[in-house]
Amino acid sequence: MPQDHGPQPVTIIVNTRPHPWEAKEITFEQVVDLAFPGQPLTEQDTYTVRYSRGHDGHGSGSLTAGHSVRVKKGMVFDVYRTSRS
């Protein structure tokens, strides 16, 4: 009998770069961290996250802070950062 080793990673695209992802969902904060690794979220920066190629009914849209979306193989995320001066 085959053993279940948990979710298999899928490849998602964040700002044109492929990333393996094992969880069923991804949060706004996780997407921003993949787009800008090691750069903490600050009050001077505003991030916009848009996605496409998602699941039926949620194929494209925006992701906001504190929210998550189900991931799918080949799902594309575009993350934009705007800094206030």
PDB file of N, CA and C in Angstrom:
ATOM      1  N   MET A   1       0.837  -1.166   0.000  1.00  0.00           N
ATOM      2  CA  MET A   1       0.000   0.000   0.000  1.00  0.00           C
ATOM      3  C   MET A   1       0.894   1.246   0.000  1.00  0.00           C
ATOM      4  N   PRO A   2       0.644   2.214  -0.914  1.00  0.00           N
ATOM      5  CA  PRO A   2       1.491   3.405  -0.959  1.00  0.00           C
ATOM      6  C   PRO A   2       1.282   4.279   0.273  1.00  0.00           C
ATOM      7  N   GLN A   3       2.366   4.886   0.720  1.00  0.00           N
ATOM      8  CA  GLN A   3       2.281   5.777   1.872  1.00  0.00           C
ATOM      9  C   GLN A   3       2.080   7.201   1.395  1.00  0.00           C
ATOM     10  N   ASP A   4       1.293   7.955   2.163  1.00  0.00           N
ATOM     11  CA  ASP A   4       1.071   9.359   1.855  1.00  0.00           C
ATOM     12  C   ASP A   4       2.172  10.170   2.525  1.00  0.00           C
ATOM     13  N   HIS A   5       2.968  10.838   1.739  1.00  0.00           N
ATOM     14  CA  HIS A   5       4.068  11.644   2.262  1.00  0.00           C
ATOM     15  C   HIS A   5       3.697  13.116   2.320  1.00  0.00           C
ATOM     16  N   GLY A   6       2.418  13.438   2.356  1.00  0.00           N
ATOM     17  CA  GLY A   6       1.987  14.827   2.410  1.00  0.00           C
ATOM     18  C   GLY A   6       1.873  15.415   1.017  1.00  0.00           C
ATOM     19  N   PRO A   7       1.578  16.696   0.966  1.00  0.00           N
ATOM     20  CA  PRO A   7       1.398  17.338  -0.335  1.00  0.00           C
ATOM     21  C   PRO A   7       2.684  17.332  -1.162  1.00  0.00           C
ATOM     22  N   GLN A   8       2.540  17.086  -2.425  1.00  0.00           N
ATOM     23  CA  GLN A   8       3.683  17.144  -3.326  1.00  0.00           C
ATOM     24  C   GLN A   8       3.897  18.600  -3.741  1.00  0.00           C
ATOM     25  N   PRO A   9       5.149  19.051  -3.818  1.00  0.00           N
ATOM     26  CA  PRO A   9       5.368  20.448  -4.196  1.00  0.00           C
ATOM     27  C   PRO A   9       4.910  20.714  -5.630  1.00  0.00           C
ATOM     28  N   VAL A  10       4.398  21.908  -5.822  1.00  0.00           N
ATOM     29  CA  VAL A  10       4.064  22.386  -7.159  1.00  0.00           C
ATOM     30  C   VAL A  10       4.944  23.589  -7.421  1.00  0.00           C
ATOM     31  N   THR A  11       5.107  23.934  -8.673  1.00  0.00           N
ATOM     32  CA  THR A  11       5.898  25.111  -9.014  1.00  0.00           C
ATOM     33  C   THR A  11       4.965  26.280  -9.253  1.00  0.00           C
ATOM     34  N   ILE A  12       5.199  27.366  -8.511  1.00  0.00           N
ATOM     35  CA  ILE A  12       4.481  28.615  -8.735  1.00  0.00           C
ATOM     36  C   ILE A  12       5.481  29.633  -9.262  1.00  0.00           C
ATOM     37  N   ILE A  13       4.985  30.647  -9.929  1.00  0.00           N
ATOM     38  CA  ILE A  13       5.840  31.679 -10.510  1.00  0.00           C
ATOM     39  C   ILE A  13       5.589  32.979  -9.755  1.00  0.00           C
ATOM     40  N   VAL A  14       6.662  33.557  -9.188  1.00  0.00           N
ATOM     41  CA  VAL A  14       6.562  34.826  -8.472  1.00  0.00           C
ATOM     42  C   VAL A  14       7.530  35.802  -9.129  1.00  0.00           C
ATOM     43  N   ASN A  15       6.974  36.863  -9.702  1.00  0.00           N
ATOM     44  CA  ASN A  15       7.787  37.862 -10.425  1.00  0.00           C
ATOM     45  C   ASN A  15       8.725  37.181 -11.430  1.00  0.00           C
ATOM     46  N   THR A  16       8.183  36.310 -12.225  1.00  0.00           N
ATOM     47  CA  THR A  16       8.832  35.563 -13.321  1.00  0.00           C
ATOM     48  C   THR A  16       9.794  34.470 -12.860  1.00  0.00           C
ATOM     49  N   ARG A  17       9.937  34.257 -11.538  1.00  0.00           N
ATOM     50  CA  ARG A  17      10.860  33.231 -11.043  1.00  0.00           C
ATOM     51  C   ARG A  17      10.083  32.035 -10.496  1.00  0.00           C
ATOM     52  N   PRO A  18      10.477  30.821 -10.884  1.00  0.00           N
ATOM     53  CA  PRO A  18       9.795  29.624 -10.363  1.00  0.00           C
ATOM     54  C   PRO A  18      10.192  29.348  -8.915  1.00  0.00           C
ATOM     55  N   HIS A  19       9.214  28.914  -8.130  1.00  0.00           N
ATOM     56  CA  HIS A  19       9.436  28.538  -6.732  1.00  0.00           C
ATOM     57  C   HIS A  19       8.649  27.269  -6.434  1.00  0.00           C
ATOM     58  N   PRO A  20       9.268  26.269  -5.798  1.00  0.00           N
ATOM     59  CA  PRO A  20       8.493  25.099  -5.364  1.00  0.00           C
ATOM     60  C   PRO A  20       7.654  25.493  -4.148  1.00  0.00           C
ATOM     61  N   TRP A  21       6.424  24.983  -4.085  1.00  0.00           N
ATOM     62  CA  TRP A  21       5.541  25.282  -2.953  1.00  0.00           C
ATOM     63  C   TRP A  21       4.800  24.014  -2.550  1.00  0.00           C
ATOM     64  N   GLU A  22       4.868  23.649  -1.265  1.00  0.00           N
ATOM     65  CA  GLU A  22       4.268  22.401  -0.797  1.00  0.00           C
ATOM     66  C   GLU A  22       2.904  22.574  -0.157  1.00  0.00           C
ATOM     67  N   ALA A  23       2.621  23.724   0.405  1.00  0.00           N
ATOM     68  CA  ALA A  23       1.342  23.927   1.101  1.00  0.00           C
ATOM     69  C   ALA A  23       0.207  24.105   0.096  1.00  0.00           C
ATOM     70  N   LYS A  24      -1.022  23.863   0.565  1.00  0.00           N
ATOM     71  CA  LYS A  24      -2.193  24.014  -0.307  1.00  0.00           C
ATOM     72  C   LYS A  24      -2.540  25.473  -0.548  1.00  0.00           C
ATOM     73  N   GLU A  25      -2.123  26.349   0.384  1.00  0.00           N
ATOM     74  CA  GLU A  25      -2.416  27.777   0.271  1.00  0.00           C
ATOM     75  C   GLU A  25      -1.139  28.577   0.456  1.00  0.00           C
ATOM     76  N   ILE A  26      -1.188  29.831   0.030  1.00  0.00           N
ATOM     77  CA  ILE A  26      -0.082  30.753   0.255  1.00  0.00           C
ATOM     78  C   ILE A  26      -0.673  32.080   0.700  1.00  0.00           C
ATOM     79  N   THR A  27      -0.013  32.721   1.668  1.00  0.00           N
ATOM     80  CA  THR A  27      -0.499  33.988   2.186  1.00  0.00           C
ATOM     81  C   THR A  27       0.136  35.158   1.435  1.00  0.00           C
ATOM     82  N   PHE A  28      -0.474  36.297   1.584  1.00  0.00           N
ATOM     83  CA  PHE A  28       0.066  37.544   1.032  1.00  0.00           C
ATOM     84  C   PHE A  28       1.510  37.730   1.478  1.00  0.00           C
ATOM     85  N   GLU A  29       1.748  37.553   2.786  1.00  0.00           N
ATOM     86  CA  GLU A  29       3.076  37.775   3.341  1.00  0.00           C
ATOM     87  C   GLU A  29       4.101  36.786   2.777  1.00  0.00           C
ATOM     88  N   GLN A  30       3.689  35.537   2.550  1.00  0.00           N
ATOM     89  CA  GLN A  30       4.599  34.540   1.978  1.00  0.00           C
ATOM     90  C   GLN A  30       4.955  34.877   0.539  1.00  0.00           C
ATOM     91  N   VAL A  31       3.981  35.363  -0.234  1.00  0.00           N
ATOM     92  CA  VAL A  31       4.250  35.744  -1.619  1.00  0.00           C
ATOM     93  C   VAL A  31       5.225  36.918  -1.648  1.00  0.00           C
ATOM     94  N   VAL A  32       5.004  37.915  -0.793  1.00  0.00           N
ATOM     95  CA  VAL A  32       5.902  39.077  -0.740  1.00  0.00           C
ATOM     96  C   VAL A  32       7.309  38.632  -0.363  1.00  0.00           C
ATOM     97  N   ASP A  33       7.427  37.689   0.582  1.00  0.00           N
ATOM     98  CA  ASP A  33       8.743  37.203   0.988  1.00  0.00           C
ATOM     99  C   ASP A  33       9.447  36.464  -0.153  1.00  0.00           C
ATOM    100  N   LEU A  34       8.700  35.730  -0.961  1.00  0.00           N
ATOM    101  CA  LEU A  34       9.314  35.068  -2.127  1.00  0.00           C
ATOM    102  C   LEU A  34       9.757  36.098  -3.168  1.00  0.00           C
ATOM    103  N   ALA A  35       8.989  37.169  -3.315  1.00  0.00           N
ATOM    104  CA  ALA A  35       9.325  38.196  -4.301  1.00  0.00           C
ATOM    105  C   ALA A  35      10.515  39.046  -3.856  1.00  0.00           C
ATOM    106  N   PHE A  36      10.575  39.338  -2.556  1.00  0.00           N
ATOM    107  CA  PHE A  36      11.630  40.187  -2.001  1.00  0.00           C
ATOM    108  C   PHE A  36      12.223  39.507  -0.768  1.00  0.00           C
ATOM    109  N   PRO A  37      12.999  38.433  -0.975  1.00  0.00           N
ATOM    110  CA  PRO A  37      13.502  37.655   0.163  1.00  0.00           C
ATOM    111  C   PRO A  37      14.415  38.473   1.078  1.00  0.00           C
ATOM    112  N   GLY A  38      14.200  38.303   2.389  1.00  0.00           N
ATOM    113  CA  GLY A  38      15.053  38.963   3.368  1.00  0.00           C
ATOM    114  C   GLY A  38      14.770  40.432   3.579  1.00  0.00           C
ATOM    115  N   GLN A  39      13.769  40.971   2.898  1.00  0.00           N
ATOM    116  CA  GLN A  39      13.437  42.380   3.058  1.00  0.00           C
ATOM    117  C   GLN A  39      12.162  42.491   3.895  1.00  0.00           C
ATOM    118  N   PRO A  40      12.277  42.977   5.125  1.00  0.00           N
ATOM    119  CA  PRO A  40      11.106  43.042   5.999  1.00  0.00           C
ATOM    120  C   PRO A  40      10.071  44.040   5.488  1.00  0.00           C
ATOM    121  N   LEU A  41       8.808  43.748   5.790  1.00  0.00           N
ATOM    122  CA  LEU A  41       7.731  44.671   5.443  1.00  0.00           C
ATOM    123  C   LEU A  41       7.859  45.902   6.335  1.00  0.00           C
ATOM    124  N   THR A  42       7.814  47.091   5.742  1.00  0.00           N
ATOM    125  CA  THR A  42       7.914  48.326   6.515  1.00  0.00           C
ATOM    126  C   THR A  42       6.704  49.206   6.230  1.00  0.00           C
ATOM    127  N   GLU A  43       6.521  50.200   7.081  1.00  0.00           N
ATOM    128  CA  GLU A  43       5.396  51.126   6.901  1.00  0.00           C
ATOM    129  C   GLU A  43       5.585  52.019   5.679  1.00  0.00           C
ATOM    130  N   GLN A  44       6.827  52.191   5.221  1.00  0.00           N
ATOM    131  CA  GLN A  44       7.097  53.027   4.058  1.00  0.00           C
ATOM    132  C   GLN A  44       6.796  52.313   2.743  1.00  0.00           C
ATOM    133  N   ASP A  45       6.681  51.003   2.789  1.00  0.00           N
ATOM    134  CA  ASP A  45       6.460  50.228   1.571  1.00  0.00           C
ATOM    135  C   ASP A  45       5.021  49.721   1.501  1.00  0.00           C
ATOM    136  N   THR A  46       4.462  49.808   0.311  1.00  0.00           N
ATOM    137  CA  THR A  46       3.141  49.253   0.028  1.00  0.00           C
ATOM    138  C   THR A  46       3.317  48.184  -1.028  1.00  0.00           C
ATOM    139  N   TYR A  47       2.723  47.016  -0.808  1.00  0.00           N
ATOM    140  CA  TYR A  47       2.841  45.914  -1.752  1.00  0.00           C
ATOM    141  C   TYR A  47       1.489  45.611  -2.373  1.00  0.00           C
ATOM    142  N   THR A  48       1.512  45.346  -3.667  1.00  0.00           N
ATOM    143  CA  THR A  48       0.330  44.908  -4.391  1.00  0.00           C
ATOM    144  C   THR A  48       0.640  43.524  -4.943  1.00  0.00           C
ATOM    145  N   VAL A  49      -0.233  42.552  -4.667  1.00  0.00           N
ATOM    146  CA  VAL A  49      -0.044  41.181  -5.156  1.00  0.00           C
ATOM    147  C   VAL A  49      -1.230  40.832  -6.046  1.00  0.00           C
ATOM    148  N   ARG A  50      -0.927  40.486  -7.283  1.00  0.00           N
ATOM    149  CA  ARG A  50      -1.948  40.022  -8.225  1.00  0.00           C
ATOM    150  C   ARG A  50      -1.560  38.613  -8.653  1.00  0.00           C
ATOM    151  N   TYR A  51      -2.575  37.788  -8.882  1.00  0.00           N
ATOM    152  CA  TYR A  51      -2.300  36.422  -9.315  1.00  0.00           C
ATOM    153  C   TYR A  51      -3.176  36.047 -10.492  1.00  0.00           C
ATOM    154  N   SER A  52      -2.719  35.040 -11.239  1.00  0.00           N
ATOM    155  CA  SER A  52      -3.475  34.505 -12.374  1.00  0.00           C
ATOM    156  C   SER A  52      -3.194  33.014 -12.475  1.00  0.00           C
ATOM    157  N   ARG A  53      -3.972  32.344 -13.300  1.00  0.00           N
ATOM    158  CA  ARG A  53      -3.876  30.891 -13.502  1.00  0.00           C
ATOM    159  C   ARG A  53      -4.187  30.104 -12.232  1.00  0.00           C
ATOM    160  N   GLY A  54      -5.118  30.614 -11.430  1.00  0.00           N
ATOM    161  CA  GLY A  54      -5.517  29.939 -10.198  1.00  0.00           C
ATOM    162  C   GLY A  54      -6.624  28.939 -10.451  1.00  0.00           C
ATOM    163  N   HIS A  55      -7.234  28.492  -9.372  1.00  0.00           N
ATOM    164  CA  HIS A  55      -8.315  27.506  -9.452  1.00  0.00           C
ATOM    165  C   HIS A  55      -9.580  28.116 -10.042  1.00  0.00           C
ATOM    166  N   ASP A  56     -10.450  27.242 -10.550  1.00  0.00           N
ATOM    167  CA  ASP A  56     -11.718  27.669 -11.137  1.00  0.00           C
ATOM    168  C   ASP A  56     -12.457  28.595 -10.184  1.00  0.00           C
ATOM    169  N   GLY A  57     -13.003  29.668 -10.740  1.00  0.00           N
ATOM    170  CA  GLY A  57     -13.732  30.623  -9.934  1.00  0.00           C
ATOM    171  C   GLY A  57     -12.837  31.643  -9.256  1.00  0.00           C
ATOM    172  N   HIS A  58     -11.562  31.308  -9.116  1.00  0.00           N
ATOM    173  CA  HIS A  58     -10.593  32.227  -8.517  1.00  0.00           C
ATOM    174  C   HIS A  58      -9.351  32.258  -9.405  1.00  0.00           C
ATOM    175  N   GLY A  59      -9.571  32.251 -10.702  1.00  0.00           N
ATOM    176  CA  GLY A  59      -8.469  32.169 -11.648  1.00  0.00           C
ATOM    177  C   GLY A  59      -7.525  33.336 -11.611  1.00  0.00           C
ATOM    178  N   SER A  60      -8.043  34.522 -11.299  1.00  0.00           N
ATOM    179  CA  SER A  60      -7.192  35.694 -11.194  1.00  0.00           C
ATOM    180  C   SER A  60      -7.788  36.640 -10.172  1.00  0.00           C
ATOM    181  N   GLY A  61      -6.934  37.473  -9.612  1.00  0.00           N
ATOM    182  CA  GLY A  61      -7.410  38.426  -8.621  1.00  0.00           C
ATOM    183  C   GLY A  61      -6.263  39.049  -7.876  1.00  0.00           C
ATOM    184  N   SER A  62      -6.605  39.706  -6.786  1.00  0.00           N
ATOM    185  CA  SER A  62      -5.623  40.366  -5.926  1.00  0.00           C
ATOM    186  C   SER A  62      -5.600  39.679  -4.575  1.00  0.00           C
ATOM    187  N   LEU A  63      -4.449  39.713  -3.955  1.00  0.00           N
ATOM    188  CA  LEU A  63      -4.279  39.144  -2.627  1.00  0.00           C
ATOM    189  C   LEU A  63      -3.890  40.293  -1.706  1.00  0.00           C
ATOM    190  N   THR A  64      -4.554  40.401  -0.562  1.00  0.00           N
ATOM    191  CA  THR A  64      -4.288  41.491   0.366  1.00  0.00           C
ATOM    192  C   THR A  64      -3.711  40.961   1.670  1.00  0.00           C
ATOM    193  N   ALA A  65      -3.102  41.853   2.433  1.00  0.00           N
ATOM    194  CA  ALA A  65      -2.456  41.489   3.695  1.00  0.00           C
ATOM    195  C   ALA A  65      -3.418  40.727   4.594  1.00  0.00           C
ATOM    196  N   GLY A  66      -2.908  39.640   5.193  1.00  0.00           N
ATOM    197  CA  GLY A  66      -3.704  38.841   6.105  1.00  0.00           C
ATOM    198  C   GLY A  66      -4.567  37.787   5.430  1.00  0.00           C
ATOM    199  N   HIS A  67      -4.528  37.697   4.112  1.00  0.00           N
ATOM    200  CA  HIS A  67      -5.350  36.733   3.381  1.00  0.00           C
ATOM    201  C   HIS A  67      -4.475  35.720   2.649  1.00  0.00           C
ATOM    202  N   SER A  68      -5.116  34.651   2.182  1.00  0.00           N
ATOM    203  CA  SER A  68      -4.404  33.596   1.457  1.00  0.00           C
ATOM    204  C   SER A  68      -5.248  33.128   0.279  1.00  0.00           C
ATOM    205  N   VAL A  69      -4.618  32.348  -0.590  1.00  0.00           N
ATOM    206  CA  VAL A  69      -5.299  31.787  -1.755  1.00  0.00           C
ATOM    207  C   VAL A  69      -4.774  30.368  -1.970  1.00  0.00           C
ATOM    208  N   ARG A  70      -5.639  29.477  -2.480  1.00  0.00           N
ATOM    209  CA  ARG A  70      -5.196  28.115  -2.820  1.00  0.00           C
ATOM    210  C   ARG A  70      -4.245  28.175  -4.001  1.00  0.00           C
ATOM    211  N   VAL A  71      -3.188  27.386  -3.941  1.00  0.00           N
ATOM    212  CA  VAL A  71      -2.216  27.380  -5.026  1.00  0.00           C
ATOM    213  C   VAL A  71      -2.487  26.237  -5.992  1.00  0.00           C
ATOM    214  N   LYS A  72      -1.984  26.405  -7.173  1.00  0.00           N
ATOM    215  CA  LYS A  72      -2.130  25.427  -8.242  1.00  0.00           C
ATOM    216  C   LYS A  72      -0.846  25.454  -9.059  1.00  0.00           C
ATOM    217  N   LYS A  73      -0.463  24.318  -9.593  1.00  0.00           N
ATOM    218  CA  LYS A  73       0.743  24.230 -10.423  1.00  0.00           C
ATOM    219  C   LYS A  73       0.679  25.266 -11.538  1.00  0.00           C
ATOM    220  N   GLY A  74       1.755  26.040 -11.677  1.00  0.00           N
ATOM    221  CA  GLY A  74       1.838  27.032 -12.731  1.00  0.00           C
ATOM    222  C   GLY A  74       1.165  28.361 -12.414  1.00  0.00           C
ATOM    223  N   MET A  75       0.655  28.508 -11.203  1.00  0.00           N
ATOM    224  CA  MET A  75       0.009  29.757 -10.799  1.00  0.00           C
ATOM    225  C   MET A  75       1.040  30.875 -10.817  1.00  0.00           C
ATOM    226  N   VAL A  76       0.617  32.050 -11.266  1.00  0.00           N
ATOM    227  CA  VAL A  76       1.530  33.181 -11.445  1.00  0.00           C
ATOM    228  C   VAL A  76       1.165  34.299 -10.474  1.00  0.00           C
ATOM    229  N   PHE A  77       2.177  34.823  -9.778  1.00  0.00           N
ATOM    230  CA  PHE A  77       1.998  35.952  -8.867  1.00  0.00           C
ATOM    231  C   PHE A  77       2.897  37.098  -9.326  1.00  0.00           C
ATOM    232  N   ASP A  78       2.319  38.284  -9.390  1.00  0.00           N
ATOM    233  CA  ASP A  78       3.086  39.496  -9.691  1.00  0.00           C
ATOM    234  C   ASP A  78       3.010  40.388  -8.467  1.00  0.00           C
ATOM    235  N   VAL A  79       4.186  40.744  -7.926  1.00  0.00           N
ATOM    236  CA  VAL A  79       4.258  41.545  -6.700  1.00  0.00           C
ATOM    237  C   VAL A  79       4.932  42.866  -7.045  1.00  0.00           C
ATOM    238  N   TYR A  80       4.242  43.953  -6.666  1.00  0.00           N
ATOM    239  CA  TYR A  80       4.748  45.306  -6.919  1.00  0.00           C
ATOM    240  C   TYR A  80       4.961  46.006  -5.591  1.00  0.00           C
ATOM    241  N   ARG A  81       6.109  46.677  -5.454  1.00  0.00           N
ATOM    242  CA  ARG A  81       6.408  47.424  -4.233  1.00  0.00           C
ATOM    243  C   ARG A  81       6.466  48.910  -4.567  1.00  0.00           C
ATOM    244  N   THR A  82       5.781  49.702  -3.752  1.00  0.00           N
ATOM    245  CA  THR A  82       5.817  51.154  -3.879  1.00  0.00           C
ATOM    246  C   THR A  82       6.299  51.714  -2.554  1.00  0.00           C
ATOM    247  N   SER A  83       7.307  52.576  -2.596  1.00  0.00           N
ATOM    248  CA  SER A  83       7.842  53.176  -1.364  1.00  0.00           C
ATOM    249  C   SER A  83       7.401  54.629  -1.263  1.00  0.00           C
ATOM    250  N   ARG A  84       6.954  54.995  -0.048  1.00  0.00           N
ATOM    251  CA  ARG A  84       6.618  56.393   0.210  1.00  0.00           C
ATOM    252  C   ARG A  84       7.894  57.123   0.585  1.00  0.00           C
ATOM    253  N   SER A  85       7.992  58.356   0.120  1.00  0.00           N
ATOM    254  CA  SER A  85       9.191  59.125   0.476  1.00  0.00           C
ATOM    255  C   SER A  85       8.859  60.250   1.423  1.00  0.00           C
TER     256      SER A  85
END
